[in-house]
């Protein structure tokens, strides 16, 4: 596994974490679907946008 494989694995792990956090957020289902779609369609950019502007998990 080269550097590209390692970076891909890191992005995948971060996206899984983002999707899990989106599921636990206290927002409407429609917003959750849109955020999850963004993270799935644009893995790296979607994660960065979610990290700064997305719904945060309930505490």
PDB file of N, CA and C in Angstrom:
ATOM      1  N   UNK A   1       0.862  -1.176   0.000  1.00  0.00           N
ATOM      2  CA  UNK A   1       0.000   0.000   0.000  1.00  0.00           C
ATOM      3  C   UNK A   1       0.900   1.228   0.000  1.00  0.00           C
ATOM      4  N   UNK A   2       0.737   2.059  -1.004  1.00  0.00           N
ATOM      5  CA  UNK A   2       1.538   3.266  -1.126  1.00  0.00           C
ATOM      6  C   UNK A   2       0.940   4.426  -0.360  1.00  0.00           C
ATOM      7  N   UNK A   3       1.505   5.592  -0.600  1.00  0.00           N
ATOM      8  CA  UNK A   3       1.039   6.795   0.078  1.00  0.00           C
ATOM      9  C   UNK A   3      -0.395   7.138  -0.329  1.00  0.00           C
ATOM     10  N   UNK A   4      -0.751   6.867  -1.592  1.00  0.00           N
ATOM     11  CA  UNK A   4      -2.122   7.133  -2.035  1.00  0.00           C
ATOM     12  C   UNK A   4      -3.124   6.244  -1.317  1.00  0.00           C
ATOM     13  N   UNK A   5      -2.758   4.997  -1.098  1.00  0.00           N
ATOM     14  CA  UNK A   5      -3.643   4.090  -0.375  1.00  0.00           C
ATOM     15  C   UNK A   5      -3.834   4.516   1.067  1.00  0.00           C
ATOM     16  N   UNK A   6      -2.751   4.984   1.671  1.00  0.00           N
ATOM     17  CA  UNK A   6      -2.823   5.448   3.062  1.00  0.00           C
ATOM     18  C   UNK A   6      -3.685   6.702   3.170  1.00  0.00           C
ATOM     19  N   UNK A   7      -3.504   7.637   2.245  1.00  0.00           N
ATOM     20  CA  UNK A   7      -4.322   8.852   2.262  1.00  0.00           C
ATOM     21  C   UNK A   7      -5.792   8.526   2.008  1.00  0.00           C
ATOM     22  N   UNK A   8      -6.047   7.589   1.111  1.00  0.00           N
ATOM     23  CA  UNK A   8      -7.418   7.166   0.854  1.00  0.00           C
ATOM     24  C   UNK A   8      -8.058   6.546   2.080  1.00  0.00           C
ATOM     25  N   UNK A   9      -7.278   5.751   2.805  1.00  0.00           N
ATOM     26  CA  UNK A   9      -7.781   5.128   4.033  1.00  0.00           C
ATOM     27  C   UNK A   9      -8.084   6.179   5.101  1.00  0.00           C
ATOM     28  N   UNK A  10      -7.244   7.184   5.207  1.00  0.00           N
ATOM     29  CA  UNK A  10      -7.469   8.262   6.176  1.00  0.00           C
ATOM     30  C   UNK A  10      -8.735   9.032   5.824  1.00  0.00           C
ATOM     31  N   UNK A  11      -8.907   9.377   4.544  1.00  0.00           N
ATOM     32  CA  UNK A  11     -10.115  10.101   4.115  1.00  0.00           C
ATOM     33  C   UNK A  11     -11.351   9.250   4.369  1.00  0.00           C
ATOM     34  N   UNK A  12     -11.264   7.954   4.089  1.00  0.00           N
ATOM     35  CA  UNK A  12     -12.389   7.056   4.346  1.00  0.00           C
ATOM     36  C   UNK A  12     -12.756   7.037   5.830  1.00  0.00           C
ATOM     37  N   UNK A  13     -11.753   6.933   6.695  1.00  0.00           N
ATOM     38  CA  UNK A  13     -12.012   6.906   8.141  1.00  0.00           C
ATOM     39  C   UNK A  13     -12.634   8.220   8.605  1.00  0.00           C
ATOM     40  N   UNK A  14     -12.155   9.338   8.098  1.00  0.00           N
ATOM     41  CA  UNK A  14     -12.718  10.635   8.481  1.00  0.00           C
ATOM     42  C   UNK A  14     -14.160  10.769   7.986  1.00  0.00           C
ATOM     43  N   UNK A  15     -14.440  10.263   6.796  1.00  0.00           N
ATOM     44  CA  UNK A  15     -15.806  10.320   6.284  1.00  0.00           C
ATOM     45  C   UNK A  15     -16.759   9.448   7.104  1.00  0.00           C
ATOM     46  N   UNK A  16     -16.301   8.282   7.514  1.00  0.00           N
ATOM     47  CA  UNK A  16     -17.123   7.421   8.369  1.00  0.00           C
ATOM     48  C   UNK A  16     -17.413   8.118   9.689  1.00  0.00           C
ATOM     49  N   UNK A  17     -16.404   8.769  10.254  1.00  0.00           N
ATOM     50  CA  UNK A  17     -16.595   9.513  11.504  1.00  0.00           C
ATOM     51  C   UNK A  17     -17.586  10.654  11.303  1.00  0.00           C
ATOM     52  N   UNK A  18     -17.475  11.375  10.180  1.00  0.00           N
ATOM     53  CA  UNK A  18     -18.390  12.485   9.898  1.00  0.00           C
ATOM     54  C   UNK A  18     -19.823  11.978   9.761  1.00  0.00           C
ATOM     55  N   UNK A  19     -20.018  10.876   9.056  1.00  0.00           N
ATOM     56  CA  UNK A  19     -21.366  10.336   8.868  1.00  0.00           C
ATOM     57  C   UNK A  19     -21.949   9.871  10.199  1.00  0.00           C
ATOM     58  N   UNK A  20     -21.140   9.248  11.037  1.00  0.00           N
ATOM     59  CA  UNK A  20     -21.616   8.835  12.362  1.00  0.00           C
ATOM     60  C   UNK A  20     -22.012  10.055  13.191  1.00  0.00           C
ATOM     61  N   UNK A  21     -21.244  11.125  13.102  1.00  0.00           N
ATOM     62  CA  UNK A  21     -21.567  12.348  13.836  1.00  0.00           C
ATOM     63  C   UNK A  21     -22.828  13.004  13.293  1.00  0.00           C
ATOM     64  N   UNK A  22     -23.011  12.942  11.992  1.00  0.00           N
ATOM     65  CA  UNK A  22     -24.220  13.513  11.389  1.00  0.00           C
ATOM     66  C   UNK A  22     -25.450  12.744  11.868  1.00  0.00           C
ATOM     67  N   UNK A  23     -25.347  11.418  11.943  1.00  0.00           N
ATOM     68  CA  UNK A  23     -26.479  10.618  12.435  1.00  0.00           C
ATOM     69  C   UNK A  23     -26.866  11.001  13.862  1.00  0.00           C
ATOM     70  N   UNK A  24     -25.886  11.337  14.694  1.00  0.00           N
ATOM     71  CA  UNK A  24     -26.192  11.640  16.087  1.00  0.00           C
ATOM     72  C   UNK A  24     -26.524  13.109  16.319  1.00  0.00           C
ATOM     73  N   UNK A  25     -26.501  13.926  15.279  1.00  0.00           N
ATOM     74  CA  UNK A  25     -26.820  15.350  15.421  1.00  0.00           C
ATOM     75  C   UNK A  25     -28.325  15.526  15.598  1.00  0.00           C
ATOM     76  N   UNK A  26     -28.686  16.569  16.309  1.00  0.00           N
ATOM     77  CA  UNK A  26     -30.104  16.870  16.524  1.00  0.00           C
ATOM     78  C   UNK A  26     -30.566  17.877  15.478  1.00  0.00           C
ATOM     79  N   UNK A  27     -30.685  17.398  14.237  1.00  0.00           N
ATOM     80  CA  UNK A  27     -31.230  18.203  13.146  1.00  0.00           C
ATOM     81  C   UNK A  27     -32.265  17.362  12.425  1.00  0.00           C
ATOM     82  N   UNK A  28     -33.009  18.003  11.530  1.00  0.00           N
ATOM     83  CA  UNK A  28     -34.054  17.296  10.807  1.00  0.00           C
ATOM     84  C   UNK A  28     -33.452  16.255   9.875  1.00  0.00           C
ATOM     85  N   UNK A  29     -34.260  15.264   9.546  1.00  0.00           N
ATOM     86  CA  UNK A  29     -33.807  14.159   8.701  1.00  0.00           C
ATOM     87  C   UNK A  29     -33.358  14.650   7.330  1.00  0.00           C
ATOM     88  N   UNK A  30     -34.043  15.608   6.776  1.00  0.00           N
ATOM     89  CA  UNK A  30     -33.677  16.139   5.469  1.00  0.00           C
ATOM     90  C   UNK A  30     -32.278  16.739   5.470  1.00  0.00           C
ATOM     91  N   UNK A  31     -31.953  17.459   6.533  1.00  0.00           N
ATOM     92  CA  UNK A  31     -30.613  18.043   6.645  1.00  0.00           C
ATOM     93  C   UNK A  31     -29.562  16.954   6.785  1.00  0.00           C
ATOM     94  N   UNK A  32     -29.882  15.920   7.536  1.00  0.00           N
ATOM     95  CA  UNK A  32     -28.941  14.805   7.675  1.00  0.00           C
ATOM     96  C   UNK A  32     -28.663  14.157   6.325  1.00  0.00           C
ATOM     97  N   UNK A  33     -29.721  13.948   5.548  1.00  0.00           N
ATOM     98  CA  UNK A  33     -29.569  13.317   4.236  1.00  0.00           C
ATOM     99  C   UNK A  33     -28.691  14.181   3.334  1.00  0.00           C
ATOM    100  N   UNK A  34     -28.901  15.484   3.348  1.00  0.00           N
ATOM    101  CA  UNK A  34     -28.099  16.373   2.509  1.00  0.00           C
ATOM    102  C   UNK A  34     -26.630  16.372   2.926  1.00  0.00           C
ATOM    103  N   UNK A  35     -26.353  16.406   4.220  1.00  0.00           N
ATOM    104  CA  UNK A  35     -24.969  16.383   4.682  1.00  0.00           C
ATOM    105  C   UNK A  35     -24.295  15.060   4.359  1.00  0.00           C
ATOM    106  N   UNK A  36     -25.013  13.966   4.551  1.00  0.00           N
ATOM    107  CA  UNK A  36     -24.438  12.649   4.236  1.00  0.00           C
ATOM    108  C   UNK A  36     -24.173  12.539   2.736  1.00  0.00           C
ATOM    109  N   UNK A  37     -25.095  13.032   1.908  1.00  0.00           N
ATOM    110  CA  UNK A  37     -24.888  12.997   0.462  1.00  0.00           C
ATOM    111  C   UNK A  37     -23.664  13.817   0.073  1.00  0.00           C
ATOM    112  N   UNK A  38     -23.483  14.972   0.689  1.00  0.00           N
ATOM    113  CA  UNK A  38     -22.325  15.812   0.399  1.00  0.00           C
ATOM    114  C   UNK A  38     -21.027  15.090   0.742  1.00  0.00           C
ATOM    115  N   UNK A  39     -20.994  14.463   1.908  1.00  0.00           N
ATOM    116  CA  UNK A  39     -19.786  13.752   2.332  1.00  0.00           C
ATOM    117  C   UNK A  39     -19.516  12.545   1.434  1.00  0.00           C
ATOM    118  N   UNK A  40     -20.569  11.867   0.979  1.00  0.00           N
ATOM    119  CA  UNK A  40     -20.381  10.703   0.124  1.00  0.00           C
ATOM    120  C   UNK A  40     -19.990  11.079  -1.309  1.00  0.00           C
ATOM    121  N   UNK A  41     -20.558  12.152  -1.827  1.00  0.00           N
ATOM    122  CA  UNK A  41     -20.285  12.543  -3.210  1.00  0.00           C
ATOM    123  C   UNK A  41     -18.923  13.223  -3.338  1.00  0.00           C
ATOM    124  N   UNK A  42     -18.579  14.074  -2.388  1.00  0.00           N
ATOM    125  CA  UNK A  42     -17.297  14.783  -2.386  1.00  0.00           C
ATOM    126  C   UNK A  42     -16.554  14.439  -1.090  1.00  0.00           C
ATOM    127  N   UNK A  43     -15.901  13.302  -1.035  1.00  0.00           N
ATOM    128  CA  UNK A  43     -15.354  12.824   0.234  1.00  0.00           C
ATOM    129  C   UNK A  43     -14.448  13.809   0.973  1.00  0.00           C
ATOM    130  N   UNK A  44     -13.448  14.350   0.340  1.00  0.00           N
ATOM    131  CA  UNK A  44     -12.529  15.233   1.052  1.00  0.00           C
ATOM    132  C   UNK A  44     -13.120  16.618   1.250  1.00  0.00           C
ATOM    133  N   UNK A  45     -13.621  17.212   0.184  1.00  0.00           N
ATOM    134  CA  UNK A  45     -14.212  18.550   0.268  1.00  0.00           C
ATOM    135  C   UNK A  45     -15.458  18.525   1.150  1.00  0.00           C
ATOM    136  N   UNK A  46     -16.290  17.505   0.998  1.00  0.00           N
ATOM    137  CA  UNK A  46     -17.492  17.385   1.819  1.00  0.00           C
ATOM    138  C   UNK A  46     -17.164  17.280   3.293  1.00  0.00           C
ATOM    139  N   UNK A  47     -16.101  16.523   3.623  1.00  0.00           N
ATOM    140  CA  UNK A  47     -15.688  16.415   5.019  1.00  0.00           C
ATOM    141  C   UNK A  47     -15.247  17.771   5.555  1.00  0.00           C
ATOM    142  N   UNK A  48     -14.465  18.503   4.783  1.00  0.00           N
ATOM    143  CA  UNK A  48     -13.968  19.804   5.240  1.00  0.00           C
ATOM    144  C   UNK A  48     -15.121  20.776   5.444  1.00  0.00           C
ATOM    145  N   UNK A  49     -16.062  20.799   4.494  1.00  0.00           N
ATOM    146  CA  UNK A  49     -17.228  21.679   4.638  1.00  0.00           C
ATOM    147  C   UNK A  49     -18.041  21.276   5.864  1.00  0.00           C
ATOM    148  N   UNK A  50     -18.264  19.967   6.041  1.00  0.00           N
ATOM    149  CA  UNK A  50     -19.026  19.506   7.207  1.00  0.00           C
ATOM    150  C   UNK A  50     -18.317  19.889   8.504  1.00  0.00           C
ATOM    151  N   UNK A  51     -17.010  19.748   8.548  1.00  0.00           N
ATOM    152  CA  UNK A  51     -16.253  20.011   9.776  1.00  0.00           C
ATOM    153  C   UNK A  51     -16.451  21.462  10.243  1.00  0.00           C
ATOM    154  N   UNK A  52     -16.479  22.400   9.302  1.00  0.00           N
ATOM    155  CA  UNK A  52     -16.601  23.794   9.680  1.00  0.00           C
ATOM    156  C   UNK A  52     -18.040  24.299   9.741  1.00  0.00           C
ATOM    157  N   UNK A  53     -18.951  23.723   8.942  1.00  0.00           N
ATOM    158  CA  UNK A  53     -20.289  24.286   8.854  1.00  0.00           C
ATOM    159  C   UNK A  53     -21.410  23.312   9.154  1.00  0.00           C
ATOM    160  N   UNK A  54     -21.096  22.038   9.318  1.00  0.00           N
ATOM    161  CA  UNK A  54     -22.141  21.047   9.472  1.00  0.00           C
ATOM    162  C   UNK A  54     -22.699  20.951  10.874  1.00  0.00           C
ATOM    163  N   UNK A  55     -23.747  20.163  11.010  1.00  0.00           N
ATOM    164  CA  UNK A  55     -24.345  19.973  12.336  1.00  0.00           C
ATOM    165  C   UNK A  55     -23.408  19.188  13.243  1.00  0.00           C
ATOM    166  N   UNK A  56     -23.361  19.587  14.471  1.00  0.00           N
ATOM    167  CA  UNK A  56     -22.519  18.911  15.445  1.00  0.00           C
ATOM    168  C   UNK A  56     -23.349  17.908  16.226  1.00  0.00           C
ATOM    169  N   UNK A  57     -22.738  16.818  16.681  1.00  0.00           N
ATOM    170  CA  UNK A  57     -23.506  15.799  17.422  1.00  0.00           C
ATOM    171  C   UNK A  57     -24.034  16.340  18.742  1.00  0.00           C
ATOM    172  N   UNK A  58     -25.155  15.793  19.170  1.00  0.00           N
ATOM    173  CA  UNK A  58     -25.750  16.173  20.444  1.00  0.00           C
ATOM    174  C   UNK A  58     -24.881  15.685  21.588  1.00  0.00           C
ATOM    175  N   UNK A  59     -24.821  16.479  22.633  1.00  0.00           N
ATOM    176  CA  UNK A  59     -23.993  16.097  23.784  1.00  0.00           C
ATOM    177  C   UNK A  59     -24.833  15.634  24.934  1.00  0.00           C
TER     178      UNK A  59
END
